[in-house]
Amino acid sequence: MAWVPGIPWAALALGVALVEFFRGGDTELAARDVRYGGLLTAGSLLAGVLMGLILAGGLALASRVLIRRWGLALVGALLGALAFPAEFLVVAIGTDGAVAQLGTTFLAWPVMTVVAAAHSTDIAGRTRRRTWLWPPAPEPEVVGTVPDRRHRPS
């Protein structure tokens, strides 16, 4: 959830830095754009860890109390909505408060809330509809043959 709005702006900042550097322009601007790209990348990854801890921890606690899937989806949506401002703050710092970047990130907020709600039951371990979240079950090992112990009439 976290890197979706931040990483495209980081890639754009790094691309602009390359253009500024190679066209012979201002190296100070190129260095600033590299710094912003690094800040957006590292900040988005850190915000993602924070958001993951909040979502997983909150859903683990909520799954002890809530039985219905819609209840977990509601808790996931609430936690996703409350945790997403961390990414908004990263984009605000990494872009110097640029209006277009902040507006796009703000529009991603409800989308990410819906994503958190949709995947909350899988995160809490209640369903396994999304198989990409779960590792495949290990195959049982066959050690040897089992002897036949049926009773034979005499």
C-alpha atoms as a PDB file:
ATOM      1  CA  MET A   1       0.000   0.000   0.000  1.00  0.00           C
ATOM      2  CA  ALA A   2       2.677   2.472   0.894  1.00  0.00           C
ATOM      3  CA  TRP A   3       5.001   2.457  -2.067  1.00  0.00           C
ATOM      4  CA  VAL A   4       2.268   2.796  -4.710  1.00  0.00           C
ATOM      5  CA  PRO A   5       2.026   6.613  -4.491  1.00  0.00           C
ATOM      6  CA  GLY A   6       5.642   7.274  -3.507  1.00  0.00           C
ATOM      7  CA  ILE A   7       7.758   5.163  -5.841  1.00  0.00           C
ATOM      8  CA  PRO A   8       6.502   6.694  -9.122  1.00  0.00           C
ATOM      9  CA  TRP A   9       7.467  10.139  -7.826  1.00  0.00           C
ATOM     10  CA  ALA A  10      10.866   8.766  -6.775  1.00  0.00           C
ATOM     11  CA  ALA A  11      11.399   7.314 -10.254  1.00  0.00           C
ATOM     12  CA  LEU A  12      10.395  10.625 -11.802  1.00  0.00           C
ATOM     13  CA  ALA A  13      12.797  12.538  -9.545  1.00  0.00           C
ATOM     14  CA  LEU A  14      15.668  10.201 -10.424  1.00  0.00           C
ATOM     15  CA  GLY A  15      14.837  10.430 -14.131  1.00  0.00           C
ATOM     16  CA  VAL A  16      14.818  14.214 -13.987  1.00  0.00           C
ATOM     17  CA  ALA A  17      18.143  14.108 -12.127  1.00  0.00           C
ATOM     18  CA  LEU A  18      19.663  12.008 -14.929  1.00  0.00           C
ATOM     19  CA  VAL A  19      18.386  14.420 -17.568  1.00  0.00           C
ATOM     20  CA  GLU A  20      19.712  17.434 -15.657  1.00  0.00           C
ATOM     21  CA  PHE A  21      23.081  15.787 -15.147  1.00  0.00           C
ATOM     22  CA  PHE A  22      23.633  14.513 -18.694  1.00  0.00           C
ATOM     23  CA  ARG A  23      22.403  17.537 -20.572  1.00  0.00           C
ATOM     24  CA  GLY A  24      25.065  19.587 -18.823  1.00  0.00           C
ATOM     25  CA  GLY A  25      22.648  21.521 -16.701  1.00  0.00           C
ATOM     26  CA  ASP A  26      22.737  22.439 -13.081  1.00  0.00           C
ATOM     27  CA  THR A  27      24.375  19.699 -11.016  1.00  0.00           C
ATOM     28  CA  GLU A  28      22.945  21.227  -7.847  1.00  0.00           C
ATOM     29  CA  LEU A  29      19.419  20.570  -9.137  1.00  0.00           C
ATOM     30  CA  ALA A  30      20.429  17.054 -10.140  1.00  0.00           C
ATOM     31  CA  ALA A  31      21.801  16.379  -6.651  1.00  0.00           C
ATOM     32  CA  ARG A  32      18.600  17.724  -5.085  1.00  0.00           C
ATOM     33  CA  ASP A  33      16.492  15.454  -7.289  1.00  0.00           C
ATOM     34  CA  VAL A  34      18.627  12.439  -6.367  1.00  0.00           C
ATOM     35  CA  ARG A  35      18.168  13.337  -2.705  1.00  0.00           C
ATOM     36  CA  TYR A  36      14.397  13.607  -3.189  1.00  0.00           C
ATOM     37  CA  GLY A  37      14.313  10.272  -5.034  1.00  0.00           C
ATOM     38  CA  GLY A  38      16.226   8.578  -2.238  1.00  0.00           C
ATOM     39  CA  LEU A  39      14.034  10.192   0.395  1.00  0.00           C
ATOM     40  CA  LEU A  40      10.869   9.094  -1.397  1.00  0.00           C
ATOM     41  CA  THR A  41      12.144   5.539  -1.854  1.00  0.00           C
ATOM     42  CA  ALA A  42      13.428   5.049   1.681  1.00  0.00           C
ATOM     43  CA  GLY A  43      10.483   6.903   3.213  1.00  0.00           C
ATOM     44  CA  SER A  44       7.952   4.861   1.256  1.00  0.00           C
ATOM     45  CA  LEU A  45       9.606   1.624   2.296  1.00  0.00           C
ATOM     46  CA  LEU A  46       9.679   2.740   5.938  1.00  0.00           C
ATOM     47  CA  ALA A  47       6.045   3.858   5.745  1.00  0.00           C
ATOM     48  CA  GLY A  48       5.191   0.472   4.230  1.00  0.00           C
ATOM     49  CA  VAL A  49       6.786  -1.347   7.152  1.00  0.00           C
ATOM     50  CA  LEU A  50       4.937   0.892   9.595  1.00  0.00           C
ATOM     51  CA  MET A  51       1.634   0.404   7.788  1.00  0.00           C
ATOM     52  CA  GLY A  52       2.165  -3.348   7.611  1.00  0.00           C
ATOM     53  CA  LEU A  53       2.842  -3.559  11.326  1.00  0.00           C
ATOM     54  CA  ILE A  54      -0.238  -1.493  12.116  1.00  0.00           C
ATOM     55  CA  LEU A  55      -2.476  -3.505   9.794  1.00  0.00           C
ATOM     56  CA  ALA A  56      -1.186  -6.944  10.759  1.00  0.00           C
ATOM     57  CA  GLY A  57      -1.105  -6.180  14.471  1.00  0.00           C
ATOM     58  CA  GLY A  58      -4.521  -4.586  14.500  1.00  0.00           C
ATOM     59  CA  LEU A  59      -6.070  -7.369  12.456  1.00  0.00           C
ATOM     60  CA  ALA A  60      -4.451 -10.020  14.651  1.00  0.00           C
ATOM     61  CA  LEU A  61      -5.984  -8.410  17.721  1.00  0.00           C
ATOM     62  CA  ALA A  62      -9.337  -7.864  16.021  1.00  0.00           C
ATOM     63  CA  SER A  63      -9.508 -11.465  14.787  1.00  0.00           C
ATOM     64  CA  ARG A  64      -9.594 -12.642  18.403  1.00  0.00           C
ATOM     65  CA  VAL A  65     -12.804 -10.698  18.995  1.00  0.00           C
ATOM     66  CA  LEU A  66     -14.539 -10.508  15.612  1.00  0.00           C
ATOM     67  CA  ILE A  67     -16.058 -13.548  13.989  1.00  0.00           C
ATOM     68  CA  ARG A  68     -17.530 -12.206  10.752  1.00  0.00           C
ATOM     69  CA  ARG A  69     -15.437 -11.383   7.700  1.00  0.00           C
ATOM     70  CA  TRP A  70     -17.158  -8.035   7.193  1.00  0.00           C
ATOM     71  CA  GLY A  71     -16.064  -7.008  10.684  1.00  0.00           C
ATOM     72  CA  LEU A  72     -12.442  -7.722   9.825  1.00  0.00           C
ATOM     73  CA  ALA A  73     -12.866  -5.876   6.533  1.00  0.00           C
ATOM     74  CA  LEU A  74     -14.204  -2.871   8.410  1.00  0.00           C
ATOM     75  CA  VAL A  75     -11.281  -2.959  10.865  1.00  0.00           C
ATOM     76  CA  GLY A  76      -8.836  -3.325   7.937  1.00  0.00           C
ATOM     77  CA  ALA A  77     -10.380  -0.333   6.187  1.00  0.00           C
ATOM     78  CA  LEU A  78     -10.212   1.760   9.344  1.00  0.00           C
ATOM     79  CA  LEU A  79      -6.596   0.793  10.022  1.00  0.00           C
ATOM     80  CA  GLY A  80      -5.647   1.380   6.391  1.00  0.00           C
ATOM     81  CA  ALA A  81      -7.258   4.815   6.447  1.00  0.00           C
ATOM     82  CA  LEU A  82      -5.483   5.706   9.692  1.00  0.00           C
ATOM     83  CA  ALA A  83      -2.079   4.385   8.598  1.00  0.00           C
ATOM     84  CA  PHE A  84      -1.989   5.916   5.110  1.00  0.00           C
ATOM     85  CA  PRO A  85      -1.097   9.465   6.254  1.00  0.00           C
ATOM     86  CA  ALA A  86       2.433   8.180   6.849  1.00  0.00           C
ATOM     87  CA  GLU A  87       2.848   7.798   3.078  1.00  0.00           C
ATOM     88  CA  PHE A  88       1.177  11.151   2.500  1.00  0.00           C
ATOM     89  CA  LEU A  89       3.731  12.743   4.830  1.00  0.00           C
ATOM     90  CA  VAL A  90       6.606  11.049   2.964  1.00  0.00           C
ATOM     91  CA  VAL A  91       5.346  12.383  -0.375  1.00  0.00           C
ATOM     92  CA  ALA A  92       4.875  15.849   1.133  1.00  0.00           C
ATOM     93  CA  ILE A  93       8.451  15.920   2.430  1.00  0.00           C
ATOM     94  CA  GLY A  94       9.988  14.283  -0.640  1.00  0.00           C
ATOM     95  CA  THR A  95       8.347  16.621  -3.137  1.00  0.00           C
ATOM     96  CA  ASP A  96       8.532  19.861  -1.145  1.00  0.00           C
ATOM     97  CA  GLY A  97       4.750  19.953  -0.963  1.00  0.00           C
ATOM     98  CA  ALA A  98       4.133  19.857  -4.716  1.00  0.00           C
ATOM     99  CA  VAL A  99       0.416  20.171  -5.371  1.00  0.00           C
ATOM    100  CA  ALA A 100       0.140  17.582  -8.178  1.00  0.00           C
ATOM    101  CA  GLN A 101       1.986  14.893  -6.244  1.00  0.00           C
ATOM    102  CA  LEU A 102       0.063  15.558  -3.037  1.00  0.00           C
ATOM    103  CA  GLY A 103      -3.250  15.621  -4.903  1.00  0.00           C
ATOM    104  CA  THR A 104      -2.550  12.281  -6.562  1.00  0.00           C
ATOM    105  CA  THR A 105      -1.470  10.760  -3.261  1.00  0.00           C
ATOM    106  CA  PHE A 106      -4.590  12.137  -1.598  1.00  0.00           C
ATOM    107  CA  LEU A 107      -6.727  10.511  -4.306  1.00  0.00           C
ATOM    108  CA  ALA A 108      -4.946   7.200  -3.690  1.00  0.00           C
ATOM    109  CA  TRP A 109      -5.979   7.271  -0.026  1.00  0.00           C
ATOM    110  CA  PRO A 110      -9.519   5.831  -0.494  1.00  0.00           C
ATOM    111  CA  VAL A 111      -8.223   3.309  -3.015  1.00  0.00           C
ATOM    112  CA  MET A 112      -5.643   2.024  -0.545  1.00  0.00           C
ATOM    113  CA  THR A 113      -8.316   1.898   2.166  1.00  0.00           C
ATOM    114  CA  VAL A 114     -10.420  -0.371  -0.052  1.00  0.00           C
ATOM    115  CA  VAL A 115      -7.369  -2.532  -0.785  1.00  0.00           C
ATOM    116  CA  ALA A 116      -6.711  -2.922   2.950  1.00  0.00           C
ATOM    117  CA  ALA A 117     -10.344  -3.868   3.533  1.00  0.00           C
ATOM    118  CA  ALA A 118     -10.386  -6.370   0.687  1.00  0.00           C
ATOM    119  CA  HIS A 119      -7.284  -8.196   1.887  1.00  0.00           C
ATOM    120  CA  SER A 120      -7.902  -7.980   5.637  1.00  0.00           C
ATOM    121  CA  THR A 121      -9.473 -11.418   6.011  1.00  0.00           C
ATOM    122  CA  ASP A 122      -6.524 -13.011   4.223  1.00  0.00           C
ATOM    123  CA  ILE A 123      -4.055 -11.071   6.359  1.00  0.00           C
ATOM    124  CA  ALA A 124      -5.832 -12.186   9.528  1.00  0.00           C
ATOM    125  CA  GLY A 125      -5.786 -15.784   8.273  1.00  0.00           C
ATOM    126  CA  ARG A 126      -9.546 -16.265   8.025  1.00  0.00           C
ATOM    127  CA  THR A 127      -9.731 -16.987   4.297  1.00  0.00           C
ATOM    128  CA  ARG A 128      -7.350 -18.177   1.646  1.00  0.00           C
ATOM    129  CA  ARG A 129      -9.044 -16.746  -1.423  1.00  0.00           C
ATOM    130  CA  ARG A 130      -5.960 -14.887  -2.532  1.00  0.00           C
ATOM    131  CA  THR A 131      -3.461 -17.690  -2.964  1.00  0.00           C
ATOM    132  CA  TRP A 132      -0.577 -15.326  -3.712  1.00  0.00           C
ATOM    133  CA  LEU A 133      -0.593 -14.339  -0.024  1.00  0.00           C
ATOM    134  CA  TRP A 134      -0.121 -17.908   1.175  1.00  0.00           C
ATOM    135  CA  PRO A 135       2.775 -20.264   0.529  1.00  0.00           C
ATOM    136  CA  PRO A 136       1.879 -23.650  -0.947  1.00  0.00           C
ATOM    137  CA  ALA A 137       1.292 -26.423   1.551  1.00  0.00           C
ATOM    138  CA  PRO A 138       4.182 -28.880   1.807  1.00  0.00           C
ATOM    139  CA  GLU A 139       3.639 -32.305   0.303  1.00  0.00           C
ATOM    140  CA  PRO A 140       3.362 -35.112   2.869  1.00  0.00           C
ATOM    141  CA  GLU A 141       6.352 -37.400   2.900  1.00  0.00           C
ATOM    142  CA  VAL A 142       5.867 -41.113   2.427  1.00  0.00           C
ATOM    143  CA  VAL A 143       8.438 -42.883   4.563  1.00  0.00           C
ATOM    144  CA  GLY A 144       7.457 -46.469   4.004  1.00  0.00           C
ATOM    145  CA  THR A 145       4.518 -48.731   3.524  1.00  0.00           C
ATOM    146  CA  VAL A 146       1.989 -49.184   6.284  1.00  0.00           C
ATOM    147  CA  PRO A 147       1.494 -52.851   7.242  1.00  0.00           C
ATOM    148  CA  ASP A 148      -1.972 -54.297   6.831  1.00  0.00           C
ATOM    149  CA  ARG A 149      -3.341 -54.887  10.339  1.00  0.00           C
ATOM    150  CA  ARG A 150      -6.837 -56.033   9.538  1.00  0.00           C
ATOM    151  CA  HIS A 151      -8.240 -58.856  11.612  1.00  0.00           C
ATOM    152  CA  ARG A 152      -8.363 -62.127   9.705  1.00  0.00           C
ATOM    153  CA  PRO A 153     -10.969 -64.669  10.668  1.00  0.00           C
ATOM    154  CA  SER A 154      -9.513 -68.012  11.699  1.00  0.00           C
END
